[in-house]
Amino acid sequence: MLALVLALLLVPAANTWTVDDDGPADFTQITDAIAEAASGDVLLVEPGTYSAFALTRRLTILGRAGGDRPHVEGVTEVSALGFTLAGLSFDALQVSGAPDRARIDDCSVGVDGDAEVPWALTVDGCQQLVVSRTQVRGSKAYSQKQQFGIGGSGLLVSTSIATLVQCAIDGASGFDAPSVGYVGGDGGIALRLEDGSRAVVVASHLKGGRQGLSSTQTCIFGANGSGLSVFNSLAILRGAPAYDSSVAAGDVFSGCTFQTDPGIIVIGGTLVISGVAFIPTDVYFDDSTLIEPAVPEPLVLVDGTDTPGGQRHIRLHGPAGQSCLLVASLAPAYATLGAFDDKLWVGVSGVHFIVPLVTLGQATPLTLNWNVPPSTVGLEGVCVELQPFFPGLASAYAPGTSIAGNVAELIVRF
């Protein structure tokens, strides 16, 4: 049934351009391709090394599935109304002012190169951002210039609405003293939400950076970094047993625990956390609310192989015997549903399908398989949106509503 649904949703995408730094291709640099492409076009980027770019138009930029990620050096800036980035490696990425659907999938930021910036990935003023299967790592080079400040941190989300699915976000270790007379610095933060942001974080790993090394043996270290900091914002963390769903502060040195920061800091905000490993005593709250649902909240994940001819797996976790409606749509949306605790992220005004399902358990996902077409030519960049709804499952933090699961996406690559 699902295979038929997804096959009907797949329609040819927009014009495509090829990019390869050592050719042959339409362009040798992503910057040149962006200058030529029209809004809505797709760039297919082969493995190689590319200069940082500024993206101001709605484009889809894809690396080859299953291959080495194209490496984009320096600081890339994205300020398009909406965009898709998949299968790319960035030294640093700054995203701002995207009111429409924005996607970052199967990427790495700050892993293959170090741009020496305070945050590897920054998000500001984005209203429908989905980050999935992405690794973010704070800058160690930045830490080494911050003896008395916070080290290189992972992801900063400001005035934005975001969904993070199957991500690994780490702060860098703090300033390490190069010689006698120096003290260690603070480790970087993994994820920080601020200024009215709302983030649903699903099956993800958040860990702060370790405290920096001192030049002495007398515990003169900086503090370790927090895994999660929430300031005047809402964070909803959901996990499943089969995935690294955890949040923790960075490591500390034996006997030097008096200079530690909490794994979770929430000031003027709300944290909903279920199915996620954390230390309850390692949490700092100030004028905030902590909600731990009695029953772990449901979630949907997409894994498997992206390559043409491969197989993707849609895994739905939820209480055993719980009815839900899985919506599949080609078009994104962002609309209020009064009966549910989250927005509708899938489009139901055009072609869409609603599949009734019953979950098997939080640790035993209901798995639906989809075979990627052997040839994806003409389909590159097509994205199928998925979101489950649970009419019979009450929300723990929004009284009178039912749970809307996280959005997940199938992006066709090449």
Protein backbone atom coordinates (compact mmCIF):
# COMPACT_ATOMS: atom_id res chain seq x y z
CA MET A 1 0.00 0.00 0.00
CA LEU A 2 2.72 2.47 0.99
CA ALA A 3 4.74 1.70 -2.13
CA LEU A 4 1.74 2.63 -4.26
CA VAL A 5 1.14 5.80 -2.26
CA LEU A 6 4.73 6.99 -2.63
CA ALA A 7 4.91 6.03 -6.30
CA LEU A 8 1.84 8.17 -7.03
CA LEU A 9 3.37 11.09 -5.17
CA LEU A 10 6.60 11.07 -7.16
CA VAL A 11 6.42 13.50 -10.06
CA PRO A 12 9.26 15.06 -12.04
CA ALA A 13 11.11 17.84 -10.26
CA ALA A 14 12.38 21.14 -11.67
CA ASN A 15 15.34 21.77 -13.99
CA THR A 16 18.60 20.22 -12.85
CA TRP A 17 22.20 21.39 -13.13
CA THR A 18 25.35 19.35 -12.47
CA VAL A 19 28.31 20.60 -10.43
CA ASP A 20 31.70 18.89 -10.23
CA ASP A 21 34.96 20.55 -9.19
CA ASP A 22 36.97 18.40 -11.57
CA GLY A 23 34.35 18.09 -14.35
CA PRO A 24 32.81 17.36 -16.69
CA ALA A 25 29.66 19.13 -15.53
CA ASP A 26 27.60 22.26 -16.10
CA PHE A 27 29.64 24.07 -13.43
CA THR A 28 32.77 23.50 -11.37
CA GLN A 29 31.64 25.57 -8.37
CA ILE A 30 28.33 25.75 -6.49
CA THR A 31 28.55 29.56 -6.48
CA ASP A 32 28.56 29.64 -10.29
CA ALA A 33 25.60 27.26 -10.49
CA ILE A 34 23.58 29.38 -8.04
CA ALA A 35 24.21 32.47 -10.15
CA GLU A 36 22.78 30.76 -13.23
CA ALA A 37 19.95 28.66 -11.77
CA ALA A 38 16.37 29.89 -11.49
CA SER A 39 14.26 29.66 -8.36
CA GLY A 40 13.06 26.08 -7.89
CA ASP A 41 15.94 24.46 -9.77
CA VAL A 42 18.01 21.53 -8.48
CA LEU A 43 21.82 21.37 -8.27
CA LEU A 44 23.42 17.91 -8.31
CA VAL A 45 26.86 18.19 -6.70
CA GLU A 46 29.52 15.50 -7.08
CA PRO A 47 32.09 14.79 -4.34
CA GLY A 48 34.87 17.35 -4.20
CA THR A 49 35.84 20.61 -2.54
CA TYR A 50 33.82 23.79 -3.06
CA SER A 51 33.87 27.39 -1.91
CA ALA A 52 31.30 28.66 0.55
CA PHE A 53 28.23 30.16 -1.08
CA ALA A 54 25.42 32.59 -0.34
CA LEU A 55 21.98 31.22 -1.19
CA THR A 56 19.16 33.76 -1.53
CA ARG A 57 16.82 31.91 -3.90
CA ARG A 58 14.69 28.82 -3.41
CA LEU A 59 16.97 26.02 -4.65
CA THR A 60 17.60 22.36 -3.92
CA ILE A 61 21.28 21.40 -3.57
CA LEU A 62 22.02 17.68 -3.37
CA GLY A 63 25.09 15.55 -2.87
CA ARG A 64 25.21 12.07 -4.34
CA ALA A 65 23.49 9.46 -2.14
CA GLY A 66 25.83 6.90 -0.65
CA GLY A 67 28.99 8.70 -1.74
CA ASP A 68 31.42 11.10 -0.10
CA ARG A 69 29.74 14.36 0.80
CA PRO A 70 30.86 17.39 -1.23
CA HIS A 71 32.88 19.55 1.17
CA VAL A 72 31.96 23.25 1.28
CA GLU A 73 34.76 25.28 2.84
CA GLY A 74 34.31 28.41 4.95
CA VAL A 75 31.04 29.89 6.17
CA THR A 76 27.98 29.30 3.97
CA GLU A 77 25.05 31.73 4.34
CA VAL A 78 21.46 30.82 3.43
CA SER A 79 18.69 33.41 3.45
CA ALA A 80 16.26 31.98 0.89
CA LEU A 81 12.51 31.84 1.56
CA GLY A 82 12.80 28.04 1.45
CA PHE A 83 15.46 25.54 0.42
CA THR A 84 16.70 21.95 0.53
CA LEU A 85 20.28 20.96 1.36
CA ALA A 86 21.03 17.23 1.43
CA GLY A 87 24.19 15.14 1.42
CA LEU A 88 26.64 18.03 1.91
CA SER A 89 29.48 18.78 4.33
CA PHE A 90 29.88 22.36 5.59
CA ASP A 91 32.61 23.93 7.68
CA ALA A 92 29.94 26.28 9.06
CA LEU A 93 26.36 27.10 8.07
CA GLN A 94 24.28 30.18 8.88
CA VAL A 95 20.55 30.10 8.05
CA SER A 96 18.25 33.08 8.48
CA GLY A 97 14.85 34.44 7.46
CA ALA A 98 13.23 31.36 5.90
CA PRO A 99 9.45 31.54 6.45
CA ASP A 100 8.69 28.57 4.18
CA ARG A 101 9.81 24.94 4.40
CA ALA A 102 13.57 24.62 4.77
CA ARG A 103 15.34 21.25 4.85
CA ILE A 104 18.79 20.08 5.89
CA ASP A 105 19.15 16.31 5.52
CA ASP A 106 22.08 13.92 5.77
CA CYS A 107 24.59 16.73 6.15
CA SER A 108 27.53 17.44 8.45
CA VAL A 109 28.53 20.82 9.84
CA GLY A 110 31.90 21.48 11.44
CA VAL A 111 32.98 17.85 11.05
CA ASP A 112 35.29 17.81 8.02
CA GLY A 113 36.56 21.38 8.42
CA ASP A 114 36.80 24.01 11.15
CA ALA A 115 35.64 27.55 10.31
CA GLU A 116 36.64 28.94 13.72
CA VAL A 117 33.18 30.32 14.54
CA PRO A 118 31.30 30.39 17.89
CA TRP A 119 28.44 28.23 16.51
CA ALA A 120 28.87 25.65 13.76
CA LEU A 121 25.21 26.00 12.71
CA THR A 122 23.04 29.04 13.42
CA VAL A 123 19.32 29.31 12.66
CA ASP A 124 17.49 32.61 13.02
CA GLY A 125 13.98 33.64 11.95
CA CYS A 126 13.04 30.30 10.33
CA GLN A 127 9.47 29.04 10.72
CA GLN A 128 9.44 25.54 9.16
CA LEU A 129 12.95 24.13 9.41
CA VAL A 130 13.48 20.34 9.34
CA VAL A 131 16.98 19.08 10.14
CA SER A 132 17.40 15.32 9.85
CA ARG A 133 20.26 12.79 10.00
CA THR A 134 22.74 15.61 10.44
CA GLN A 135 25.90 15.81 12.55
CA VAL A 136 26.92 19.18 14.01
CA ARG A 137 30.18 19.74 15.86
CA GLY A 138 31.45 22.91 17.56
CA SER A 139 34.72 24.53 16.54
CA LYS A 140 37.81 23.47 18.48
CA ALA A 141 39.82 26.22 16.78
CA TYR A 142 37.36 28.76 18.21
CA SER A 143 37.72 27.19 21.67
CA GLN A 144 41.48 27.71 21.53
CA LYS A 145 40.91 31.47 21.38
CA GLN A 146 38.46 31.49 24.29
CA GLN A 147 40.45 30.97 27.48
CA PHE A 148 37.85 32.86 29.48
CA GLY A 149 34.75 32.27 27.36
CA ILE A 150 32.50 29.51 26.07
CA GLY A 151 34.14 27.20 23.55
CA GLY A 152 32.96 26.32 20.08
CA SER A 153 29.29 25.29 20.21
CA GLY A 154 27.01 23.23 18.00
CA LEU A 155 23.58 24.59 17.04
CA LEU A 156 21.98 27.92 17.98
CA VAL A 157 18.26 28.35 17.23
CA SER A 158 16.78 31.86 17.63
CA THR A 159 13.19 33.02 17.00
CA SER A 160 12.57 29.87 14.97
CA ILE A 161 10.40 26.77 14.74
CA ALA A 162 12.39 23.63 14.01
CA THR A 163 12.17 19.84 13.99
CA LEU A 164 15.39 17.90 14.54
CA VAL A 165 15.29 14.19 13.71
CA GLN A 166 18.12 11.69 14.25
CA CYS A 167 20.79 14.34 14.70
CA ALA A 168 24.08 14.24 16.62
CA ILE A 169 25.06 17.64 18.03
CA ASP A 170 28.23 18.18 20.07
CA GLY A 171 29.98 21.13 21.62
CA ALA A 172 33.76 21.36 21.24
CA SER A 173 36.09 20.84 24.19
CA GLY A 174 37.15 24.01 25.99
CA PHE A 175 40.41 25.95 25.73
CA ASP A 176 43.34 23.67 26.48
CA ALA A 177 46.24 25.46 28.21
CA PRO A 178 49.33 25.47 25.95
CA SER A 179 51.80 26.11 28.80
CA VAL A 180 52.20 26.91 32.49
CA GLY A 181 50.26 29.96 33.62
CA TYR A 182 47.13 29.24 31.60
CA VAL A 183 43.87 27.77 32.81
CA GLY A 184 41.36 25.70 30.93
CA GLY A 185 38.28 27.17 29.22
CA ASP A 186 34.60 26.28 29.11
CA GLY A 187 33.38 23.53 26.82
CA GLY A 188 30.94 24.39 24.05
CA ILE A 189 27.15 23.99 24.24
CA ALA A 190 25.50 21.37 22.04
CA LEU A 191 22.07 22.97 21.39
CA ARG A 192 20.69 26.31 22.52
CA LEU A 193 17.14 27.58 21.94
CA GLU A 194 16.32 31.23 22.59
CA ASP A 195 13.94 34.14 21.94
CA GLY A 196 10.64 32.28 21.67
CA SER A 197 11.88 29.32 19.62
CA ARG A 198 10.09 25.99 19.49
CA ALA A 199 11.96 22.78 18.68
CA VAL A 200 10.87 19.15 18.53
CA VAL A 201 14.02 17.05 18.95
CA VAL A 202 13.56 13.39 18.01
CA ALA A 203 15.91 10.42 18.51
CA SER A 204 18.90 12.73 18.75
CA HIS A 205 22.16 12.93 20.69
CA LEU A 206 23.07 16.22 22.41
CA LYS A 207 26.35 16.49 24.29
CA GLY A 208 28.31 19.50 25.48
CA GLY A 209 32.06 19.83 25.15
CA ARG A 210 34.42 18.73 27.90
CA GLN A 211 36.08 21.24 30.18
CA GLY A 212 39.42 22.56 28.92
CA LEU A 213 42.74 21.28 30.21
CA SER A 214 44.75 23.30 32.70
CA SER A 215 48.51 23.68 32.77
CA THR A 216 48.49 22.52 36.40
CA GLN A 217 47.11 19.55 38.27
CA THR A 218 45.05 21.59 40.74
CA CYS A 219 41.67 21.43 39.00
CA ILE A 220 41.94 24.88 37.43
CA PHE A 221 39.63 24.05 34.59
CA GLY A 222 36.79 25.76 32.81
CA ALA A 223 33.30 24.33 33.09
CA ASN A 224 32.04 21.60 30.82
CA GLY A 225 29.44 22.59 28.22
CA SER A 226 25.71 21.90 28.57
CA GLY A 227 23.95 19.51 26.22
CA LEU A 228 20.81 21.68 26.02
CA SER A 229 20.13 25.30 26.96
CA VAL A 230 16.59 26.68 26.65
CA PHE A 231 15.89 30.38 27.14
CA ASN A 232 12.29 31.64 26.84
CA SER A 233 11.54 28.80 24.45
CA LEU A 234 9.84 25.40 24.18
CA ALA A 235 11.82 22.18 23.72
CA ILE A 236 10.11 18.83 23.14
CA LEU A 237 12.50 15.87 23.28
CA ARG A 238 11.31 12.41 22.24
CA GLY A 239 13.35 9.24 22.07
CA ALA A 240 13.21 5.57 21.18
CA PRO A 241 15.26 2.70 22.66
CA ALA A 242 16.95 1.69 19.40
CA TYR A 243 18.49 5.14 18.88
CA ASP A 244 20.97 7.32 20.77
CA SER A 245 18.34 9.54 22.34
CA SER A 246 20.30 11.37 25.02
CA VAL A 247 21.28 14.77 26.39
CA ALA A 248 24.31 15.32 28.61
CA ALA A 249 26.93 17.82 29.65
CA GLY A 250 30.49 17.42 28.47
CA ASP A 251 33.01 15.27 30.28
CA VAL A 252 34.78 16.44 33.44
CA PHE A 253 38.07 15.35 34.93
CA SER A 254 38.14 13.10 37.97
CA GLY A 255 38.07 15.04 41.24
CA CYS A 256 37.28 18.37 39.55
CA THR A 257 33.50 18.30 39.67
CA PHE A 258 33.10 21.66 41.43
CA GLN A 259 33.39 23.50 38.12
CA THR A 260 30.70 21.66 36.20
CA ASP A 261 27.69 23.02 34.32
CA PRO A 262 24.34 21.16 34.19
CA GLY A 263 23.52 18.92 31.29
CA ILE A 264 20.25 20.80 30.79
CA ILE A 265 19.56 24.47 31.53
CA VAL A 266 16.04 25.90 31.17
CA ILE A 267 15.33 29.56 32.01
CA GLY A 268 11.89 31.02 31.39
CA GLY A 269 10.94 28.10 29.18
CA THR A 270 9.33 24.66 28.97
CA LEU A 271 10.95 21.27 28.49
CA VAL A 272 8.93 18.16 27.59
CA ILE A 273 11.13 15.08 27.66
CA SER A 274 10.22 11.41 27.16
CA GLY A 275 12.19 8.34 26.15
CA VAL A 276 15.45 10.33 26.33
CA ALA A 277 18.40 9.45 28.57
CA PHE A 278 19.40 12.28 30.93
CA ILE A 279 20.40 12.71 34.55
CA PRO A 280 17.47 14.24 36.48
CA THR A 281 19.82 15.78 39.06
CA ASP A 282 21.87 17.37 36.27
CA VAL A 283 19.16 19.87 35.34
CA TYR A 284 18.89 23.56 36.22
CA PHE A 285 15.48 25.25 36.09
CA ASP A 286 14.60 28.87 36.69
CA ASP A 287 11.02 30.08 36.22
CA SER A 288 10.46 27.12 33.94
CA THR A 289 8.36 23.98 33.51
CA LEU A 290 9.53 20.39 33.21
CA ILE A 291 7.06 17.83 31.86
CA GLU A 292 7.86 14.12 31.78
CA PRO A 293 4.92 12.26 30.17
CA ALA A 294 3.93 9.06 31.96
CA VAL A 295 3.92 7.26 28.60
CA PRO A 296 6.77 7.94 26.13
CA GLU A 297 5.47 10.04 23.28
CA PRO A 298 5.33 8.63 19.72
CA LEU A 299 7.65 9.52 16.88
CA VAL A 300 8.35 8.65 13.25
CA LEU A 301 11.81 8.08 11.76
CA VAL A 302 13.10 7.42 8.25
CA ASP A 303 16.30 5.46 7.72
CA GLY A 304 17.73 3.02 5.23
CA THR A 305 19.63 3.52 1.98
CA ASP A 306 19.14 6.64 -0.15
CA THR A 307 20.89 5.36 -3.26
CA PRO A 308 18.82 4.61 -6.38
CA GLY A 309 17.53 1.06 -6.04
CA GLY A 310 17.98 1.15 -2.26
CA GLN A 311 15.31 0.78 0.39
CA ARG A 312 14.05 3.34 2.90
CA HIS A 313 12.40 2.36 6.16
CA ILE A 314 9.66 4.40 7.80
CA ARG A 315 9.58 3.45 11.47
CA LEU A 316 6.64 4.49 13.61
CA HIS A 317 7.18 4.26 17.39
CA GLY A 318 4.27 4.57 19.80
CA PRO A 319 2.34 2.84 22.59
CA ALA A 320 1.30 -0.69 21.69
CA GLY A 321 -2.19 -0.85 20.20
CA GLN A 322 -2.46 2.91 19.62
CA SER A 323 -4.35 3.97 16.49
CA CYS A 324 -2.87 6.72 14.36
CA LEU A 325 -3.23 8.35 10.97
CA LEU A 326 -0.05 8.62 8.91
CA VAL A 327 -0.34 11.42 6.37
CA ALA A 328 1.89 11.35 3.26
CA SER A 329 2.02 14.41 1.05
CA LEU A 330 4.16 15.86 -1.69
CA ALA A 331 3.48 19.44 -0.59
CA PRO A 332 4.61 20.97 2.70
CA ALA A 333 2.24 23.01 4.81
CA TYR A 334 2.17 24.75 8.15
CA ALA A 335 -1.32 25.15 9.54
CA THR A 336 -2.99 25.10 12.95
CA LEU A 337 -5.01 22.06 13.94
CA GLY A 338 -7.06 22.89 17.00
CA ALA A 339 -7.38 19.27 18.08
CA PHE A 340 -3.62 18.60 18.14
CA ASP A 341 -0.66 19.94 20.09
CA ASP A 342 1.47 20.72 17.03
CA LYS A 343 0.93 22.24 13.62
CA LEU A 344 0.08 20.36 10.46
CA TRP A 345 3.40 20.11 8.60
CA VAL A 346 2.05 18.13 5.63
CA GLY A 347 -0.06 19.53 2.82
CA VAL A 348 -3.61 18.19 2.54
CA SER A 349 -4.98 20.65 -0.01
CA GLY A 350 -3.37 18.83 -2.93
CA VAL A 351 -2.47 15.20 -3.56
CA HIS A 352 -2.08 13.39 -0.25
CA PHE A 353 -2.83 10.05 1.36
CA ILE A 354 -3.94 9.17 4.88
CA VAL A 355 -3.01 5.66 6.00
CA PRO A 356 -4.63 4.29 9.21
CA LEU A 357 -2.14 2.31 11.32
CA VAL A 358 -1.80 0.79 14.78
CA THR A 359 1.53 1.11 16.60
CA LEU A 360 3.28 -1.94 18.05
CA GLY A 361 5.22 -0.32 20.90
CA GLN A 362 7.86 2.29 21.65
CA ALA A 363 10.64 -0.30 21.43
CA THR A 364 9.01 -2.25 18.57
CA PRO A 365 8.40 0.12 15.68
CA LEU A 366 5.86 -0.48 12.98
CA THR A 367 8.07 -0.55 9.88
CA LEU A 368 6.97 0.37 6.37
CA ASN A 369 9.44 -0.14 3.54
CA TRP A 370 9.80 1.83 0.33
CA ASN A 371 12.06 0.90 -2.57
CA VAL A 372 13.87 3.85 -4.13
CA PRO A 373 13.42 3.76 -7.93
CA PRO A 374 16.43 2.22 -9.74
CA SER A 375 16.68 5.44 -11.71
CA THR A 376 15.91 8.78 -10.05
CA VAL A 377 16.65 10.90 -13.14
CA GLY A 378 14.10 13.70 -13.24
CA LEU A 379 12.98 12.98 -9.67
CA GLU A 380 15.99 14.47 -7.86
CA GLY A 381 14.88 16.79 -5.07
CA VAL A 382 11.32 15.47 -4.84
CA CYS A 383 10.37 15.34 -1.16
CA VAL A 384 7.57 13.32 0.42
CA GLU A 385 6.38 14.71 3.75
CA LEU A 386 5.25 12.29 6.46
CA GLN A 387 3.49 13.06 9.75
CA PRO A 388 1.51 10.82 12.12
CA PHE A 389 -1.48 11.97 14.17
CA PHE A 390 -2.82 10.22 17.29
CA PRO A 391 -6.43 11.33 17.95
CA GLY A 392 -6.75 9.03 20.97
CA LEU A 393 -3.49 9.97 22.70
CA ALA A 394 -3.70 13.02 24.97
CA SER A 395 -0.91 15.59 24.90
CA ALA A 396 1.07 15.93 28.12
CA TYR A 397 1.77 19.65 27.81
CA ALA A 398 -1.21 21.03 25.87
CA PRO A 399 -4.36 20.07 27.81
CA GLY A 400 -7.39 19.27 25.70
CA THR A 401 -5.39 18.31 22.61
CA SER A 402 -4.08 15.08 21.09
CA ILE A 403 -0.52 14.34 19.99
CA ALA A 404 0.70 15.25 16.53
CA GLY A 405 3.89 13.36 15.79
CA ASN A 406 6.98 14.93 14.29
CA VAL A 407 7.32 15.55 10.58
CA ALA A 408 9.77 13.32 8.67
CA GLU A 409 10.82 13.50 5.04
CA LEU A 410 11.87 11.30 2.12
CA ILE A 411 14.12 13.31 -0.19
CA VAL A 412 14.97 11.67 -3.51
CA ARG A 413 18.70 11.96 -4.32
CA PHE A 414 20.80 10.75 -7.23
